[in-house]
Structures are given as structure tokens and as C-alpha cells.
């Protein structure tokens, strides 16, 4: 048995693009079938929105999240066909956590499609708010900006702890505008994000409460592969924990950097990003510069990643055999 230890991770909203997942679906019958299943359960034209757009239709939160889920799992199925060795851990960034749960076996693909469809719909309806990315600031500085820039009666919080040089803040539109001005006046690099709401903030509470009802009716299973929670940055295999964690995730910060640091401390050095673009891989290189990041989003990246994983598995197996031989002596 190979001793290869690696992580599979799935991107969140913002990584989507028109055409994502389609080359993989054309290549893999299993991946292609996922689109048929997803459209049957959701009633949405997921394949055409993903492959043809138009861009503004795909960018609507209610469409983005289910399309992203299907594209990501399609890429994962193609990877499993060519490299069946399971990952040591899985995780997803925000909406990507649903793909992670499917990959680990905690949630069926059909249930994930229905849940992410409802999540996207609810989040899309919470339209009064925005987000902005702060560059090269500490968590303490980001929290101070939120405290000093929030307008009376408003909300402004840290939403995504992405890397040592990127923290995303989230809040109502007026507070985000104040935060941007606050940063510009102090030469703090800030980038307003093109999102439709104040995701991962208290402003999502009404959506989280309604979504909790959907989560309570879904079936979650315990797993052998641990999933790293966005809310706690800790691994869990307990299926019963996920309804509460997924509801909290909508109003809590995504602890991506702490999650990756924890995996690094556990000895993980290989990370495979599965799904559109390579946003998470770029973040990881800032968190763990020594880590190796691989990616699967099309045929070229699939074949390159499989070849690299096979080489790593063989190298791990050889080291294990040498270690066993030394121990035997």
C-alpha cells in the first residue's frame, strides 16, 4: 500500500468561468453523467449555463454555486478514474465545502445539488451588502478596520482568512464603502469584490436560519476521510456535525489559512486543487511555500496531475519499503 498523503481541495465562488468542466465531461462518461443527474434533480440547465453562459447569467449566485459544484465533482470523478488512491483529507473553500463533502462520502451528490441550489438562492436574495479584499494586513489590523469603518447600525466583519497577505471583509454597502475609503487614506491596499452580498457575515443570518431547515432534512454520513471545516479549521469524520457547521458557515469567517497551516503541521505537503482555476493553489504557496500544489480543471492539468501523483506514490512506496527493511534488521 502506498504511503502517499495528499489533500484534495475545492474552490469557492469566484473561480467560475464559462466553459468550466466541459472538456472533462466530454472526456469522462462518469463526469458527463453528473450533469444529467444534476439537471434532473435541480431542474436547472446547469450544463448550458456552465458551457455557454452568458457570463452574467453564470455570475448570478443562484446559478454559480450549483454550476461550480457540478464542475468540481466532474473533475474529481475524472481524477478518481485515473488515480483511485483516496486523499488523506479534503476541504473546500465556502461553497466548495459541499464538493468536499461529496468527495469524502459524507453527502450524496444528489443531496449536495439540492442543498447548494437552495444555498445559492438564499444567498442571492441577501443582496444588501458587499465584500473587499485587504492586502498585506494582519488579522488585528483587519479587525480594527472593521471596528472603525462600520457605520452606525451596520455590520462589518472579517469573512475570509485566505493567506498571510489577503483577508476579506464583509458587510453592508455603506460600511464597505467606508472601509475602502479608510484604507485608501492610509495606503492600505484594498480591492472591492464583485459579489452580490455580504457573505460570511451576520447579514446572512436570515438565509442561514432558513437554510438550516433544509440541512436538517438532508442525510449526512460519517466518513473515513476527514473533511476540514471552514468554521473550525479542524478535521471531522462525524456526519452528525455537518448540518450545524454548514449553517454556521454562512455567517462565520472561512478559516482557510488556519486550515492549511494545520495540515502543514500534520505533515501534508501535497495539495490537489480540483475544479475551476487555481485560486486556492496560489493562496497555499503563500501559506506553505514548501508545499507542492497540483490542479485538475481540464485534460492537460488532469494528465499532468495524475502523472505527478503516480510518481509521488511510487516514491513514497519506495521510502516505506526501505524504512520497513531497516526496521526488520
Protein backbone atom coordinates (compact mmCIF):
# COMPACT_ATOMS: atom_id res chain seq x y z
CA UNK A 1 0.00 0.00 0.00
CA UNK A 2 1.32 3.42 -0.90
CA UNK A 3 2.16 5.83 1.89
CA UNK A 4 1.25 8.89 -0.21
CA UNK A 5 -0.55 11.51 1.84
CA UNK A 6 -2.24 14.34 -0.01
CA UNK A 7 -5.18 16.74 0.19
CA UNK A 8 -7.92 17.37 -2.35
CA UNK A 9 -9.45 20.83 -2.14
CA UNK A 10 -12.32 22.50 -3.96
CA UNK A 11 -12.62 26.20 -4.86
CA UNK A 12 -15.48 28.51 -3.91
CA UNK A 13 -17.49 31.21 -5.62
CA UNK A 14 -15.30 33.49 -7.71
CA UNK A 15 -13.44 30.68 -9.50
CA UNK A 16 -16.23 30.03 -12.01
CA UNK A 17 -15.87 30.76 -15.73
CA UNK A 18 -17.87 29.97 -18.84
CA UNK A 19 -16.70 26.61 -20.19
CA UNK A 20 -15.58 25.16 -16.85
CA UNK A 21 -15.74 21.39 -16.58
CA UNK A 22 -16.82 20.81 -20.15
CA UNK A 23 -13.61 19.32 -21.54
CA UNK A 24 -13.52 16.92 -18.58
CA UNK A 25 -17.19 15.97 -19.13
CA UNK A 26 -16.51 15.29 -22.82
CA UNK A 27 -13.64 13.01 -21.84
CA UNK A 28 -15.17 11.14 -18.88
CA UNK A 29 -18.55 9.35 -19.13
CA UNK A 30 -18.81 9.41 -15.32
CA UNK A 31 -18.26 13.16 -15.25
CA UNK A 32 -20.68 13.68 -18.12
CA UNK A 33 -23.37 11.69 -16.28
CA UNK A 34 -23.12 14.06 -13.33
CA UNK A 35 -24.52 16.87 -15.46
CA UNK A 36 -27.52 14.72 -16.38
CA UNK A 37 -28.15 13.85 -12.74
CA UNK A 38 -27.70 17.44 -11.57
CA UNK A 39 -30.12 18.82 -14.16
CA UNK A 40 -32.69 16.18 -13.30
CA UNK A 41 -32.63 16.97 -9.58
CA UNK A 42 -32.26 20.74 -9.80
CA UNK A 43 -34.43 21.48 -12.83
CA UNK A 44 -31.69 23.90 -13.93
CA UNK A 45 -29.89 23.94 -17.31
CA UNK A 46 -26.56 23.56 -15.50
CA UNK A 47 -24.64 22.25 -18.49
CA UNK A 48 -25.62 25.08 -20.84
CA UNK A 49 -25.08 27.79 -18.20
CA UNK A 50 -21.64 26.34 -17.45
CA UNK A 51 -20.57 25.78 -21.03
CA UNK A 52 -22.25 28.65 -22.89
CA UNK A 53 -23.11 31.27 -20.28
CA UNK A 54 -23.64 34.08 -20.90
CA UNK A 55 -21.16 35.32 -18.31
CA UNK A 56 -23.64 37.49 -16.40
CA UNK A 57 -26.03 34.53 -16.05
CA UNK A 58 -23.28 32.30 -14.65
CA UNK A 59 -22.20 35.04 -12.24
CA UNK A 60 -25.58 35.12 -10.50
CA UNK A 61 -25.08 33.48 -7.12
CA UNK A 62 -28.12 31.23 -7.55
CA UNK A 63 -26.52 29.82 -10.72
CA UNK A 64 -22.85 30.00 -9.77
CA UNK A 65 -22.97 27.69 -6.77
CA UNK A 66 -24.68 24.64 -8.36
CA UNK A 67 -22.67 25.03 -11.57
CA UNK A 68 -19.44 25.23 -9.58
CA UNK A 69 -20.35 22.13 -7.57
CA UNK A 70 -21.02 20.03 -10.66
CA UNK A 71 -17.88 21.19 -12.47
CA UNK A 72 -15.75 20.45 -9.41
CA UNK A 73 -17.16 16.96 -8.82
CA UNK A 74 -16.88 16.22 -12.55
CA UNK A 75 -13.16 16.98 -12.29
CA UNK A 76 -12.92 14.84 -9.15
CA UNK A 77 -14.59 11.87 -10.85
CA UNK A 78 -12.14 12.14 -13.75
CA UNK A 79 -9.25 12.21 -11.27
CA UNK A 80 -10.56 9.15 -9.40
CA UNK A 81 -10.85 7.20 -12.65
CA UNK A 82 -7.14 7.65 -13.35
CA UNK A 83 -5.79 7.83 -9.79
CA UNK A 84 -8.04 5.87 -7.41
CA UNK A 85 -5.89 6.29 -4.28
CA UNK A 86 -8.10 8.33 -1.92
CA UNK A 87 -6.88 11.60 -0.44
CA UNK A 88 -5.83 11.83 3.20
CA UNK A 89 -8.01 14.90 3.79
CA UNK A 90 -10.44 17.00 1.78
CA UNK A 91 -11.57 20.57 2.17
CA UNK A 92 -13.45 23.22 0.23
CA UNK A 93 -13.50 27.00 0.36
CA UNK A 94 -17.00 28.27 1.23
CA UNK A 95 -19.34 26.83 -1.45
CA UNK A 96 -16.56 24.36 -2.24
CA UNK A 97 -17.19 22.66 1.10
CA UNK A 98 -20.20 20.89 -0.44
CA UNK A 99 -17.98 19.34 -3.10
CA UNK A 100 -15.58 18.27 -0.34
CA UNK A 101 -18.39 16.51 1.50
CA UNK A 102 -19.38 14.66 -1.67
CA UNK A 103 -15.77 13.66 -2.31
CA UNK A 104 -15.41 12.30 1.23
CA UNK A 105 -18.69 10.39 1.06
CA UNK A 106 -20.41 12.47 3.74
CA UNK A 107 -23.12 13.73 1.38
CA UNK A 108 -24.65 12.24 -1.76
CA UNK A 109 -24.16 14.16 -4.99
CA UNK A 110 -27.93 14.46 -5.41
CA UNK A 111 -28.41 15.95 -1.94
CA UNK A 112 -25.47 18.28 -2.48
CA UNK A 113 -27.01 19.61 -5.70
CA UNK A 114 -30.31 20.36 -3.97
CA UNK A 115 -28.62 21.95 -0.95
CA UNK A 116 -26.22 24.13 -2.91
CA UNK A 117 -29.07 25.21 -5.18
CA UNK A 118 -31.04 26.38 -2.14
CA UNK A 119 -27.96 27.97 -0.57
CA UNK A 120 -27.21 29.94 -3.73
CA UNK A 121 -30.81 31.07 -3.99
CA UNK A 122 -30.93 32.25 -0.37
CA UNK A 123 -27.57 33.99 -0.52
CA UNK A 124 -28.51 35.67 -3.79
CA UNK A 125 -31.61 37.11 -2.14
CA UNK A 126 -29.49 38.74 0.60
CA UNK A 127 -28.40 41.49 -1.78
CA UNK A 128 -27.72 44.41 0.58
CA UNK A 129 -24.00 44.14 1.13
CA UNK A 130 -20.57 43.61 -0.32
CA UNK A 131 -17.03 42.40 0.32
CA UNK A 132 -13.50 43.72 -0.12
CA UNK A 133 -10.06 42.11 -0.02
CA UNK A 134 -7.37 43.66 2.17
CA UNK A 135 -3.78 43.02 1.12
CA UNK A 136 -0.76 42.61 3.39
CA UNK A 137 -2.53 43.28 6.68
CA UNK A 138 -2.61 41.33 9.92
CA UNK A 139 -5.82 39.92 11.34
CA UNK A 140 -5.61 42.51 14.12
CA UNK A 141 -5.41 45.33 11.55
CA UNK A 142 -8.33 43.91 9.58
CA UNK A 143 -10.41 43.70 12.73
CA UNK A 144 -9.51 47.28 13.65
CA UNK A 145 -10.56 48.47 10.19
CA UNK A 146 -13.91 46.72 10.64
CA UNK A 147 -14.41 48.31 14.05
CA UNK A 148 -13.51 51.83 12.95
CA UNK A 149 -15.15 51.86 9.50
CA UNK A 150 -18.52 50.28 10.29
CA UNK A 151 -21.40 52.75 10.01
CA UNK A 152 -23.94 53.15 12.85
CA UNK A 153 -26.38 50.26 12.70
CA UNK A 154 -24.26 48.48 10.09
CA UNK A 155 -22.17 45.32 10.10
CA UNK A 156 -18.55 44.84 9.05
CA UNK A 157 -16.51 41.71 9.84
CA UNK A 158 -13.58 39.61 8.66
CA UNK A 159 -15.05 36.99 6.32
CA UNK A 160 -12.22 35.04 4.70
CA UNK A 161 -8.82 34.41 6.27
CA UNK A 162 -7.24 33.40 2.99
CA UNK A 163 -3.48 33.83 3.33
CA UNK A 164 -0.80 35.90 5.11
CA UNK A 165 -1.38 38.73 2.64
CA UNK A 166 -5.13 38.51 1.99
CA UNK A 167 -8.06 38.93 4.37
CA UNK A 168 -11.55 39.56 3.01
CA UNK A 169 -14.01 41.75 4.93
CA UNK A 170 -17.78 41.66 4.51
CA UNK A 171 -20.64 43.95 5.46
CA UNK A 172 -23.39 46.30 4.40
CA UNK A 173 -22.73 48.50 1.36
CA UNK A 174 -22.19 51.73 3.32
CA UNK A 175 -19.71 50.10 5.70
CA UNK A 176 -17.78 48.52 2.85
CA UNK A 177 -17.60 51.92 1.15
CA UNK A 178 -16.33 53.48 4.38
CA UNK A 179 -13.76 50.70 4.78
CA UNK A 180 -12.46 51.24 1.25
CA UNK A 181 -12.05 54.98 1.90
CA UNK A 182 -10.44 54.26 5.29
CA UNK A 183 -7.86 52.01 3.63
CA UNK A 184 -7.11 54.35 0.74
CA UNK A 185 -6.49 57.22 3.14
CA UNK A 186 -3.93 55.08 5.00
CA UNK A 187 -2.24 53.48 1.97
CA UNK A 188 -3.68 50.06 2.79
CA UNK A 189 -4.22 48.06 -0.39
CA UNK A 190 -7.91 47.22 -0.77
CA UNK A 191 -9.85 45.63 -3.65
CA UNK A 192 -13.69 45.73 -3.68
CA UNK A 193 -15.01 42.34 -4.81
CA UNK A 194 -17.68 41.74 -7.43
CA UNK A 195 -20.11 39.80 -5.24
CA UNK A 196 -23.83 40.15 -4.73
CA UNK A 197 -23.94 40.20 -0.92
CA UNK A 198 -22.19 40.30 2.44
CA UNK A 199 -21.25 36.61 2.50
CA UNK A 200 -19.94 35.09 5.76
CA UNK A 201 -21.28 37.96 7.84
CA UNK A 202 -24.16 38.46 10.29
CA UNK A 203 -26.19 39.89 7.39
CA UNK A 204 -26.54 36.31 6.14
CA UNK A 205 -28.31 35.22 9.35
CA UNK A 206 -31.86 35.12 7.85
CA UNK A 207 -30.57 32.97 4.99
CA UNK A 208 -28.64 30.73 7.41
CA UNK A 209 -31.71 30.15 9.54
CA UNK A 210 -33.82 29.13 6.56
CA UNK A 211 -31.01 27.00 5.14
CA UNK A 212 -30.71 25.19 8.48
CA UNK A 213 -34.17 23.74 7.88
CA UNK A 214 -33.01 22.26 4.57
CA UNK A 215 -29.87 20.90 6.19
CA UNK A 216 -31.89 19.20 8.91
CA UNK A 217 -33.73 17.17 6.27
CA UNK A 218 -30.60 16.05 4.40
CA UNK A 219 -28.69 12.84 5.13
CA UNK A 220 -25.06 13.20 6.22
CA UNK A 221 -22.85 10.16 6.77
CA UNK A 222 -19.74 9.68 8.86
CA UNK A 223 -16.62 9.16 6.77
CA UNK A 224 -13.19 7.59 6.84
CA UNK A 225 -11.69 10.60 5.05
CA UNK A 226 -11.70 13.67 7.33
CA UNK A 227 -13.16 16.92 5.97
CA UNK A 228 -11.62 20.16 7.24
CA UNK A 229 -14.39 22.51 8.38
CA UNK A 230 -14.35 26.15 7.26
CA UNK A 231 -15.82 27.14 10.63
CA UNK A 232 -13.39 25.34 12.95
CA UNK A 233 -10.33 24.67 10.74
CA UNK A 234 -10.43 21.17 12.26
CA UNK A 235 -10.94 17.78 10.59
CA UNK A 236 -14.13 15.87 11.24
CA UNK A 237 -15.48 12.49 10.19
CA UNK A 238 -18.74 12.86 12.13
CA UNK A 239 -21.68 13.16 9.76
CA UNK A 240 -23.94 14.48 12.52
CA UNK A 241 -21.76 17.59 12.87
CA UNK A 242 -22.33 18.94 9.36
CA UNK A 243 -25.84 20.42 9.48
CA UNK A 244 -24.77 22.81 12.23
CA UNK A 245 -21.37 23.52 10.68
CA UNK A 246 -22.82 24.32 7.25
CA UNK A 247 -25.43 26.66 8.72
CA UNK A 248 -22.78 28.45 10.79
CA UNK A 249 -20.51 28.68 7.76
CA UNK A 250 -22.86 31.18 6.09
CA UNK A 251 -22.33 33.73 8.89
CA UNK A 252 -18.80 32.79 10.02
CA UNK A 253 -15.38 33.55 8.58
CA UNK A 254 -13.80 30.96 6.29
CA UNK A 255 -10.66 29.85 8.15
CA UNK A 256 -8.69 28.82 5.09
CA UNK A 257 -5.21 29.89 6.21
CA UNK A 258 -5.54 28.22 9.66
CA UNK A 259 -6.82 25.08 7.92
CA UNK A 260 -3.80 24.90 5.62
CA UNK A 261 -1.37 25.60 8.45
CA UNK A 262 -2.94 22.78 10.43
CA UNK A 263 -2.50 20.40 7.50
CA UNK A 264 1.12 21.50 7.17
CA UNK A 265 1.66 20.73 10.85
CA UNK A 266 0.16 17.29 10.19
CA UNK A 267 2.90 16.67 7.63
CA UNK A 268 0.90 17.27 4.45
CA UNK A 269 2.98 18.71 1.62
CA UNK A 270 0.90 17.84 -1.47
CA UNK A 271 -2.33 19.68 -2.30
CA UNK A 272 -4.50 18.99 -5.34
CA UNK A 273 -6.99 21.71 -6.29
CA UNK A 274 -9.91 20.14 -8.16
CA UNK A 275 -12.20 22.48 -10.09
CA UNK A 276 -12.07 25.78 -12.00
CA UNK A 277 -8.91 27.94 -11.90
CA UNK A 278 -6.15 27.65 -9.29
CA UNK A 279 -7.02 30.35 -6.76
CA UNK A 280 -6.50 28.08 -3.74
CA UNK A 281 -3.15 26.85 -5.03
CA UNK A 282 -1.87 30.42 -5.21
CA UNK A 283 -3.01 31.02 -1.63
CA UNK A 284 -1.30 27.87 -0.40
CA UNK A 285 2.01 28.89 -1.93
CA UNK A 286 1.85 32.00 0.27
CA UNK A 287 0.91 30.00 3.38
CA UNK A 288 3.23 26.99 2.90
CA UNK A 289 5.93 27.96 0.37
CA UNK A 290 7.46 24.47 0.59
CA UNK A 291 4.18 22.73 -0.37
CA UNK A 292 3.58 21.19 -3.78
CA UNK A 293 0.33 22.27 -5.46
CA UNK A 294 -1.31 20.39 -8.31
CA UNK A 295 -4.50 21.13 -10.19
CA UNK A 296 -7.29 19.45 -12.18
CA UNK A 297 -9.58 21.57 -14.33
CA UNK A 298 -9.10 20.24 -17.89
CA UNK A 299 -7.46 17.30 -19.66
CA UNK A 300 -3.96 18.76 -19.72
CA UNK A 301 -3.96 19.50 -15.98
CA UNK A 302 -5.62 16.14 -15.25
CA UNK A 303 -2.93 14.15 -17.05
CA UNK A 304 -0.12 16.23 -15.55
CA UNK A 305 -1.50 15.82 -12.03
CA UNK A 306 -2.09 12.07 -12.38
CA UNK A 307 1.47 11.56 -13.63
CA UNK A 308 2.86 13.58 -10.74
CA UNK A 309 0.71 11.77 -8.13
CA UNK A 310 1.76 8.39 -9.51
CA UNK A 311 5.43 9.42 -9.23
CA UNK A 312 4.91 10.65 -5.69
CA UNK A 313 3.09 7.44 -4.75
CA UNK A 314 5.92 5.31 -6.12
CA UNK A 315 8.49 7.41 -4.29
CA UNK A 316 6.50 7.11 -1.04
CA UNK A 317 6.20 3.37 -1.50
CA UNK A 318 9.94 3.03 -2.02
CA UNK A 319 10.72 5.06 1.10
CA UNK A 320 8.26 2.92 3.08
CA UNK A 321 9.87 -0.31 1.86
CA UNK A 322 13.33 0.96 2.80
CA UNK A 323 12.08 2.01 6.23
CA UNK A 324 10.46 -1.39 6.79
CA UNK A 325 13.63 -3.20 5.73
CA UNK A 326 15.73 -1.18 8.16
CA UNK A 327 13.25 -1.82 10.96
CA UNK A 328 13.27 -5.56 10.22
CA UNK A 329 17.02 -5.72 10.56
